[in-house]
Amino acid sequence: MREHGTRRREESPDSHAPGQIDREIDVRSIVIFLVAVAGATLVSAVLMWFLFRGLLAREVARDPEPLAIVERTQPTPAPGPRLQVTPEKDMAALRAEERAALSGYAWVDRAAGRVRIPIERAMALIAERGLPPVTALPATPAAPAATTPSGVAPEKP
């Protein structure tokens, strides 16, 4: 007796055709609720912005003026970086200056009679004359003898 399997099931009166919206769901109420929540959120955000601006203005008005000494002692900001536009040319110019200083004659201290001479000439003079004698260093005073907390110098073994 397979009647219930072979019989066609009757459709209930509240069933719907495909594509229809359930009659139990009130779409209009849901949309009104979502619009109300969005509106309340927007109104709250605007009110908070006005509140923030008002409180900020009140705090700025309450803030005392800085003392003149404080303004004068503020450190000056550091200057921006000085970047090289052509580092290769700058390096070549530096090397040329160094080469000229090492291979040319110039006064270091005219009053003392000190001059700068080329490296090759300096090496030839040292090879010819030898190094100048080393002057003796001044004698350093002897270190004070170590004492014990009682003020007596320890005996040497």
N, C-alpha and C. Protein backbone atom coordinates (compact mmCIF):
# COMPACT_ATOMS: atom_id res chain seq x y z
N MET A 1 0.80 -1.16 0.00
CA MET A 1 0.00 0.00 0.00
C MET A 1 0.85 1.25 0.00
N ARG A 2 1.14 1.50 -1.08
CA ARG A 2 2.01 2.64 -1.26
C ARG A 2 1.22 3.83 -1.75
N GLU A 3 0.17 4.11 -1.13
CA GLU A 3 -0.65 5.21 -1.60
C GLU A 3 -0.01 6.56 -1.37
N HIS A 4 0.57 6.69 -0.23
CA HIS A 4 1.11 8.03 0.06
C HIS A 4 2.28 8.36 -0.84
N GLY A 5 3.00 7.37 -1.34
CA GLY A 5 4.11 7.65 -2.23
C GLY A 5 3.66 7.91 -3.64
N THR A 6 2.56 7.31 -4.03
CA THR A 6 2.11 7.48 -5.40
C THR A 6 1.13 8.63 -5.54
N ARG A 7 0.52 8.96 -4.44
CA ARG A 7 -0.42 10.08 -4.52
C ARG A 7 0.32 11.39 -4.65
N ARG A 8 -0.23 12.20 -5.35
CA ARG A 8 0.35 13.52 -5.51
C ARG A 8 0.02 14.35 -4.29
N ARG A 9 1.05 14.98 -3.74
CA ARG A 9 0.85 15.77 -2.55
C ARG A 9 0.14 17.05 -2.91
N GLU A 10 -0.80 17.38 -2.12
CA GLU A 10 -1.53 18.62 -2.39
C GLU A 10 -0.74 19.79 -1.84
N GLU A 11 -0.76 20.87 -2.52
CA GLU A 11 -0.01 22.05 -2.09
C GLU A 11 -0.78 22.77 -1.01
N SER A 12 -0.06 23.27 -0.04
CA SER A 12 -0.70 24.01 1.04
C SER A 12 -1.13 25.38 0.53
N PRO A 13 -2.11 25.98 1.18
CA PRO A 13 -2.62 27.26 0.69
C PRO A 13 -1.62 28.40 0.83
N ASP A 14 -0.64 28.32 1.74
CA ASP A 14 0.30 29.44 1.91
C ASP A 14 1.62 29.20 1.16
N SER A 15 1.69 28.21 0.30
CA SER A 15 2.91 28.02 -0.50
C SER A 15 2.94 29.06 -1.61
N HIS A 16 4.07 29.26 -2.15
CA HIS A 16 4.23 30.30 -3.17
C HIS A 16 4.95 29.74 -4.38
N ALA A 17 4.77 30.45 -5.44
CA ALA A 17 5.43 30.07 -6.68
C ALA A 17 6.87 30.55 -6.63
N PRO A 18 7.77 29.92 -7.39
CA PRO A 18 9.16 30.38 -7.40
C PRO A 18 9.22 31.84 -7.82
N GLY A 19 10.10 32.63 -7.09
CA GLY A 19 10.27 34.04 -7.42
C GLY A 19 9.41 34.95 -6.56
N GLN A 20 8.43 34.40 -5.88
CA GLN A 20 7.61 35.22 -5.01
C GLN A 20 8.29 35.35 -3.65
N ILE A 21 8.03 36.45 -2.97
CA ILE A 21 8.61 36.69 -1.65
C ILE A 21 7.68 36.10 -0.61
N ASP A 22 8.26 35.56 0.45
CA ASP A 22 7.42 35.01 1.52
C ASP A 22 6.51 36.08 2.06
N ARG A 23 5.33 35.71 2.35
CA ARG A 23 4.37 36.67 2.88
C ARG A 23 4.63 36.93 4.35
N GLU A 24 5.38 36.06 5.01
CA GLU A 24 5.67 36.25 6.42
C GLU A 24 6.70 37.34 6.66
N ILE A 25 7.59 37.62 5.71
CA ILE A 25 8.64 38.62 5.85
C ILE A 25 8.09 39.96 5.41
N ASP A 26 8.17 40.95 6.32
CA ASP A 26 7.68 42.28 6.01
C ASP A 26 8.87 43.11 5.52
N VAL A 27 9.10 43.13 4.23
CA VAL A 27 10.25 43.80 3.63
C VAL A 27 10.19 45.30 3.88
N ARG A 28 9.02 45.85 3.83
CA ARG A 28 8.88 47.30 4.02
C ARG A 28 9.35 47.70 5.42
N SER A 29 9.03 46.95 6.43
CA SER A 29 9.46 47.25 7.80
C SER A 29 10.97 47.13 7.95
N ILE A 30 11.54 46.13 7.30
CA ILE A 30 12.99 45.94 7.37
C ILE A 30 13.71 47.11 6.70
N VAL A 31 13.25 47.55 5.55
CA VAL A 31 13.87 48.67 4.84
C VAL A 31 13.75 49.94 5.68
N ILE A 32 12.58 50.17 6.28
CA ILE A 32 12.39 51.36 7.12
C ILE A 32 13.33 51.31 8.31
N PHE A 33 13.50 50.14 8.91
CA PHE A 33 14.41 49.99 10.04
C PHE A 33 15.85 50.29 9.63
N LEU A 34 16.29 49.75 8.49
CA LEU A 34 17.67 49.99 8.02
C LEU A 34 17.91 51.47 7.70
N VAL A 35 16.92 52.12 7.10
CA VAL A 35 17.05 53.55 6.80
C VAL A 35 17.12 54.34 8.11
N ALA A 36 16.32 53.95 9.10
CA ALA A 36 16.35 54.64 10.39
C ALA A 36 17.70 54.47 11.08
N VAL A 37 18.28 53.26 11.03
CA VAL A 37 19.59 53.02 11.64
C VAL A 37 20.66 53.84 10.92
N ALA A 38 20.63 53.86 9.59
CA ALA A 38 21.61 54.64 8.83
C ALA A 38 21.45 56.12 9.14
N GLY A 39 20.23 56.61 9.23
CA GLY A 39 20.01 58.02 9.55
C GLY A 39 20.49 58.37 10.95
N ALA A 40 20.20 57.49 11.91
CA ALA A 40 20.65 57.73 13.28
C ALA A 40 22.17 57.74 13.35
N THR A 41 22.81 56.85 12.62
CA THR A 41 24.27 56.81 12.59
C THR A 41 24.83 58.10 12.00
N LEU A 42 24.26 58.56 10.92
CA LEU A 42 24.71 59.79 10.29
C LEU A 42 24.50 60.99 11.21
N VAL A 43 23.34 61.09 11.83
CA VAL A 43 23.07 62.19 12.75
C VAL A 43 24.04 62.14 13.92
N SER A 44 24.32 60.95 14.47
CA SER A 44 25.27 60.81 15.57
C SER A 44 26.67 61.26 15.16
N ALA A 45 27.08 60.89 13.96
CA ALA A 45 28.41 61.28 13.49
C ALA A 45 28.52 62.79 13.34
N VAL A 46 27.49 63.43 12.80
CA VAL A 46 27.51 64.88 12.64
C VAL A 46 27.53 65.56 14.01
N LEU A 47 26.72 65.08 14.94
CA LEU A 47 26.71 65.67 16.28
C LEU A 47 28.06 65.49 16.98
N MET A 48 28.68 64.34 16.82
CA MET A 48 30.00 64.11 17.42
C MET A 48 31.04 65.04 16.82
N TRP A 49 30.94 65.29 15.53
CA TRP A 49 31.90 66.20 14.88
C TRP A 49 31.76 67.61 15.46
N PHE A 50 30.50 68.09 15.60
CA PHE A 50 30.28 69.41 16.18
C PHE A 50 30.74 69.45 17.64
N LEU A 51 30.49 68.39 18.38
CA LEU A 51 30.94 68.32 19.76
C LEU A 51 32.46 68.38 19.85
N PHE A 52 33.13 67.63 18.99
CA PHE A 52 34.59 67.65 18.97
C PHE A 52 35.13 69.03 18.66
N ARG A 53 34.57 69.68 17.64
CA ARG A 53 35.03 71.03 17.27
C ARG A 53 34.80 72.01 18.42
N GLY A 54 33.66 71.91 19.10
CA GLY A 54 33.36 72.81 20.21
C GLY A 54 34.31 72.59 21.38
N LEU A 55 34.56 71.34 21.74
CA LEU A 55 35.48 71.05 22.84
C LEU A 55 36.90 71.47 22.50
N LEU A 56 37.31 71.28 21.26
CA LEU A 56 38.65 71.69 20.85
C LEU A 56 38.81 73.20 20.94
N ALA A 57 37.79 73.95 20.50
CA ALA A 57 37.86 75.41 20.58
C ALA A 57 37.92 75.86 22.03
N ARG A 58 37.18 75.18 22.90
CA ARG A 58 37.20 75.54 24.32
C ARG A 58 38.58 75.28 24.93
N GLU A 59 39.20 74.16 24.59
CA GLU A 59 40.53 73.86 25.12
C GLU A 59 41.59 74.82 24.59
N VAL A 60 41.49 75.18 23.34
CA VAL A 60 42.45 76.14 22.77
C VAL A 60 42.31 77.49 23.46
N ALA A 61 41.06 77.91 23.75
CA ALA A 61 40.84 79.19 24.42
C ALA A 61 41.38 79.14 25.85
N ARG A 62 41.32 77.99 26.51
CA ARG A 62 41.82 77.85 27.88
C ARG A 62 43.33 77.77 27.95
N ASP A 63 43.98 77.35 26.88
CA ASP A 63 45.43 77.13 26.87
C ASP A 63 46.15 78.46 27.08
N PRO A 64 47.04 78.56 28.08
CA PRO A 64 47.74 79.84 28.30
C PRO A 64 48.78 80.08 27.21
N GLU A 65 49.09 81.34 27.01
CA GLU A 65 50.11 81.71 26.03
C GLU A 65 51.48 81.26 26.54
N PRO A 66 52.36 80.78 25.67
CA PRO A 66 53.70 80.37 26.13
C PRO A 66 54.52 81.59 26.55
N LEU A 67 55.40 81.38 27.48
CA LEU A 67 56.27 82.47 27.94
C LEU A 67 57.24 82.86 26.84
N ALA A 68 57.67 84.11 26.86
CA ALA A 68 58.59 84.59 25.83
C ALA A 68 59.93 83.86 25.90
N ILE A 69 60.37 83.53 27.10
CA ILE A 69 61.65 82.84 27.24
C ILE A 69 61.59 81.45 26.59
N VAL A 70 60.44 80.81 26.68
CA VAL A 70 60.29 79.49 26.08
C VAL A 70 60.37 79.59 24.57
N GLU A 71 59.75 80.62 24.01
CA GLU A 71 59.80 80.78 22.55
C GLU A 71 61.21 81.07 22.07
N ARG A 72 61.99 81.83 22.85
CA ARG A 72 63.35 82.17 22.42
C ARG A 72 64.30 81.00 22.56
N THR A 73 64.02 80.08 23.46
CA THR A 73 64.94 78.96 23.68
C THR A 73 64.59 77.72 22.87
N GLN A 74 63.58 77.80 22.02
CA GLN A 74 63.23 76.65 21.19
C GLN A 74 64.34 76.39 20.19
N PRO A 75 64.74 75.14 20.03
CA PRO A 75 65.80 74.84 19.05
C PRO A 75 65.32 75.10 17.63
N THR A 76 66.24 75.55 16.82
CA THR A 76 65.89 75.77 15.42
C THR A 76 65.89 74.43 14.70
N PRO A 77 64.98 74.25 13.79
CA PRO A 77 64.95 72.95 13.08
C PRO A 77 66.19 72.77 12.22
N ALA A 78 66.57 71.54 12.07
CA ALA A 78 67.74 71.22 11.26
C ALA A 78 67.46 71.53 9.79
N PRO A 79 68.47 71.97 9.06
CA PRO A 79 68.25 72.24 7.64
C PRO A 79 68.02 70.94 6.88
N GLY A 80 67.42 71.07 5.74
CA GLY A 80 67.16 69.89 4.92
C GLY A 80 68.46 69.28 4.40
N PRO A 81 68.41 68.11 3.87
CA PRO A 81 69.63 67.47 3.37
C PRO A 81 70.17 68.19 2.14
N ARG A 82 71.48 68.26 2.09
CA ARG A 82 72.13 68.86 0.93
C ARG A 82 72.61 67.72 0.05
N LEU A 83 71.88 67.44 -0.97
CA LEU A 83 72.20 66.31 -1.84
C LEU A 83 73.15 66.75 -2.95
N GLN A 84 74.03 65.85 -3.31
CA GLN A 84 74.94 66.13 -4.41
C GLN A 84 74.22 65.89 -5.72
N VAL A 85 74.38 66.85 -6.63
CA VAL A 85 73.76 66.71 -7.94
C VAL A 85 74.62 65.83 -8.84
N THR A 86 75.92 66.07 -8.79
CA THR A 86 76.86 65.29 -9.62
C THR A 86 77.97 64.75 -8.72
N PRO A 87 77.76 63.64 -8.04
CA PRO A 87 78.78 63.14 -7.13
C PRO A 87 80.07 62.71 -7.83
N GLU A 88 79.98 62.28 -9.08
CA GLU A 88 81.20 61.87 -9.79
C GLU A 88 82.11 63.07 -10.01
N LYS A 89 81.54 64.21 -10.41
CA LYS A 89 82.35 65.41 -10.63
C LYS A 89 82.91 65.93 -9.31
N ASP A 90 82.10 65.84 -8.24
CA ASP A 90 82.58 66.29 -6.93
C ASP A 90 83.75 65.43 -6.47
N MET A 91 83.67 64.13 -6.67
CA MET A 91 84.76 63.24 -6.26
C MET A 91 86.01 63.51 -7.10
N ALA A 92 85.84 63.75 -8.39
CA ALA A 92 86.99 64.06 -9.25
C ALA A 92 87.65 65.36 -8.80
N ALA A 93 86.87 66.36 -8.44
CA ALA A 93 87.44 67.63 -7.98
C ALA A 93 88.18 67.44 -6.65
N LEU A 94 87.63 66.63 -5.74
CA LEU A 94 88.30 66.36 -4.48
C LEU A 94 89.62 65.65 -4.71
N ARG A 95 89.63 64.65 -5.59
CA ARG A 95 90.87 63.93 -5.88
C ARG A 95 91.91 64.86 -6.51
N ALA A 96 91.49 65.77 -7.37
CA ALA A 96 92.42 66.72 -7.98
C ALA A 96 93.02 67.65 -6.92
N GLU A 97 92.21 68.11 -5.97
CA GLU A 97 92.73 68.95 -4.88
C GLU A 97 93.73 68.17 -4.03
N GLU A 98 93.41 66.91 -3.71
CA GLU A 98 94.32 66.10 -2.92
C GLU A 98 95.63 65.86 -3.66
N ARG A 99 95.51 65.56 -4.96
CA ARG A 99 96.72 65.33 -5.76
C ARG A 99 97.59 66.59 -5.79
N ALA A 100 96.98 67.75 -5.95
CA ALA A 100 97.74 69.00 -5.98
C ALA A 100 98.40 69.26 -4.63
N ALA A 101 97.71 68.96 -3.53
CA ALA A 101 98.28 69.18 -2.20
C ALA A 101 99.45 68.23 -1.94
N LEU A 102 99.36 66.99 -2.44
CA LEU A 102 100.43 66.01 -2.19
C LEU A 102 101.62 66.16 -3.13
N SER A 103 101.42 66.80 -4.26
CA SER A 103 102.53 66.88 -5.22
C SER A 103 103.04 68.30 -5.44
N GLY A 104 102.61 69.25 -4.59
CA GLY A 104 103.06 70.63 -4.78
C GLY A 104 103.67 71.20 -3.51
N TYR A 105 104.29 72.37 -3.67
CA TYR A 105 104.91 73.07 -2.57
C TYR A 105 103.94 74.14 -2.07
N ALA A 106 103.90 74.32 -0.73
CA ALA A 106 103.05 75.37 -0.16
C ALA A 106 103.51 75.65 1.26
N TRP A 107 103.22 76.86 1.73
CA TRP A 107 103.54 77.21 3.10
C TRP A 107 102.47 76.65 4.04
N VAL A 108 102.92 75.99 5.11
CA VAL A 108 102.00 75.55 6.15
C VAL A 108 101.94 76.63 7.22
N ASP A 109 103.13 77.09 7.68
CA ASP A 109 103.23 78.16 8.66
C ASP A 109 104.47 78.98 8.30
N ARG A 110 104.26 80.12 7.66
CA ARG A 110 105.37 80.93 7.18
C ARG A 110 106.21 81.46 8.34
N ALA A 111 105.57 81.86 9.44
CA ALA A 111 106.30 82.40 10.58
C ALA A 111 107.21 81.35 11.20
N ALA A 112 106.79 80.13 11.26
CA ALA A 112 107.61 79.06 11.84
C ALA A 112 108.53 78.43 10.81
N GLY A 113 108.38 78.79 9.53
CA GLY A 113 109.23 78.25 8.49
C GLY A 113 108.85 76.83 8.08
N ARG A 114 107.59 76.46 8.25
CA ARG A 114 107.13 75.12 7.88
C ARG A 114 106.50 75.17 6.50
N VAL A 115 106.94 74.22 5.64
CA VAL A 115 106.40 74.15 4.28
C VAL A 115 105.90 72.74 4.00
N ARG A 116 105.08 72.65 2.97
CA ARG A 116 104.61 71.35 2.51
C ARG A 116 105.37 71.06 1.21
N ILE A 117 105.92 69.83 1.13
CA ILE A 117 106.68 69.47 -0.07
C ILE A 117 106.07 68.20 -0.65
N PRO A 118 106.36 67.89 -1.92
CA PRO A 118 105.83 66.67 -2.52
C PRO A 118 106.34 65.43 -1.81
N ILE A 119 105.55 64.37 -1.87
CA ILE A 119 105.87 63.13 -1.17
C ILE A 119 107.19 62.55 -1.67
N GLU A 120 107.38 62.54 -2.98
CA GLU A 120 108.61 61.96 -3.53
C GLU A 120 109.85 62.70 -3.01
N ARG A 121 109.77 64.02 -2.93
CA ARG A 121 110.91 64.82 -2.44
C ARG A 121 111.14 64.54 -0.96
N ALA A 122 110.06 64.40 -0.18
CA ALA A 122 110.19 64.12 1.26
C ALA A 122 110.85 62.76 1.47
N MET A 123 110.47 61.76 0.67
CA MET A 123 111.08 60.44 0.81
C MET A 123 112.55 60.49 0.43
N ALA A 124 112.90 61.25 -0.60
CA ALA A 124 114.31 61.37 -1.00
C ALA A 124 115.12 62.04 0.09
N LEU A 125 114.58 63.10 0.73
CA LEU A 125 115.31 63.78 1.80
C LEU A 125 115.51 62.87 3.01
N ILE A 126 114.50 62.08 3.36
CA ILE A 126 114.64 61.17 4.50
C ILE A 126 115.65 60.08 4.17
N ALA A 127 115.65 59.58 2.95
CA ALA A 127 116.63 58.56 2.57
C ALA A 127 118.04 59.14 2.59
N GLU A 128 118.19 60.39 2.22
CA GLU A 128 119.50 61.04 2.17
C GLU A 128 120.00 61.42 3.56
N ARG A 129 119.12 62.01 4.38
CA ARG A 129 119.54 62.54 5.68
C ARG A 129 119.21 61.61 6.84
N GLY A 130 118.23 60.75 6.68
CA GLY A 130 117.79 59.91 7.79
C GLY A 130 116.69 60.62 8.59
N LEU A 131 116.10 59.87 9.49
CA LEU A 131 115.05 60.45 10.32
C LEU A 131 115.65 61.36 11.37
N PRO A 132 114.96 62.41 11.74
CA PRO A 132 115.48 63.30 12.80
C PRO A 132 115.51 62.55 14.13
N PRO A 133 116.41 62.95 15.03
CA PRO A 133 116.49 62.26 16.32
C PRO A 133 115.21 62.52 17.14
N VAL A 134 114.88 61.51 17.91
CA VAL A 134 113.69 61.62 18.75
C VAL A 134 114.09 62.31 20.04
N THR A 135 113.35 63.32 20.41
CA THR A 135 113.66 64.02 21.66
C THR A 135 113.13 63.19 22.82
N ALA A 136 113.83 63.26 23.92
CA ALA A 136 113.44 62.49 25.10
C ALA A 136 112.17 63.08 25.68
N LEU A 137 111.30 62.21 26.06
CA LEU A 137 110.07 62.65 26.68
C LEU A 137 110.36 63.12 28.10
N PRO A 138 109.62 64.11 28.59
CA PRO A 138 109.87 64.55 29.98
C PRO A 138 109.54 63.42 30.94
N ALA A 139 110.32 63.38 32.01
CA ALA A 139 110.13 62.32 33.00
C ALA A 139 108.79 62.52 33.68
N THR A 140 108.08 61.43 33.82
CA THR A 140 106.79 61.52 34.49
C THR A 140 107.01 61.32 35.97
N PRO A 141 106.27 62.04 36.79
CA PRO A 141 106.45 61.85 38.24
C PRO A 141 106.03 60.44 38.64
N ALA A 142 106.72 59.92 39.64
CA ALA A 142 106.43 58.56 40.10
C ALA A 142 105.03 58.53 40.69
N ALA A 143 104.37 57.43 40.47
CA ALA A 143 103.02 57.29 41.00
C ALA A 143 103.11 57.18 42.51
N PRO A 144 102.16 57.80 43.22
CA PRO A 144 102.20 57.69 44.69
C PRO A 144 102.02 56.25 45.12
N ALA A 145 102.64 55.92 46.23
CA ALA A 145 102.57 54.55 46.73
C ALA A 145 101.15 54.25 47.16
N ALA A 146 100.75 53.03 46.90
CA ALA A 146 99.40 52.63 47.29
C ALA A 146 99.35 52.48 48.79
N THR A 147 98.26 52.91 49.35
CA THR A 147 98.12 52.80 50.80
C THR A 147 96.90 51.96 51.11
N THR A 148 96.91 51.41 52.32
CA THR A 148 95.77 50.64 52.78
C THR A 148 94.78 51.59 53.44
N PRO A 149 93.58 51.12 53.75
CA PRO A 149 92.62 52.02 54.38
C PRO A 149 93.12 52.60 55.70
N SER A 150 94.05 51.94 56.36
CA SER A 150 94.57 52.47 57.63
C SER A 150 95.61 53.55 57.38
N GLY A 151 96.00 53.77 56.12
CA GLY A 151 96.97 54.81 55.80
C GLY A 151 98.38 54.33 55.76
N VAL A 152 98.63 53.06 55.96
CA VAL A 152 99.97 52.49 55.96
C VAL A 152 100.24 51.83 54.63
N ALA A 153 101.41 52.09 54.07
CA ALA A 153 101.77 51.51 52.79
C ALA A 153 102.03 50.02 52.99
N PRO A 154 101.54 49.18 52.05
CA PRO A 154 101.79 47.74 52.20
C PRO A 154 103.25 47.41 51.99
N GLU A 155 103.69 46.34 52.62
CA GLU A 155 105.09 45.93 52.47
C GLU A 155 105.30 45.24 51.15
N LYS A 156 106.47 45.48 50.59
CA LYS A 156 106.81 44.81 49.32
C LYS A 156 107.41 43.47 49.63
N PRO A 157 107.05 42.42 48.94
CA PRO A 157 107.61 41.08 49.21
C PRO A 157 108.99 40.92 48.71
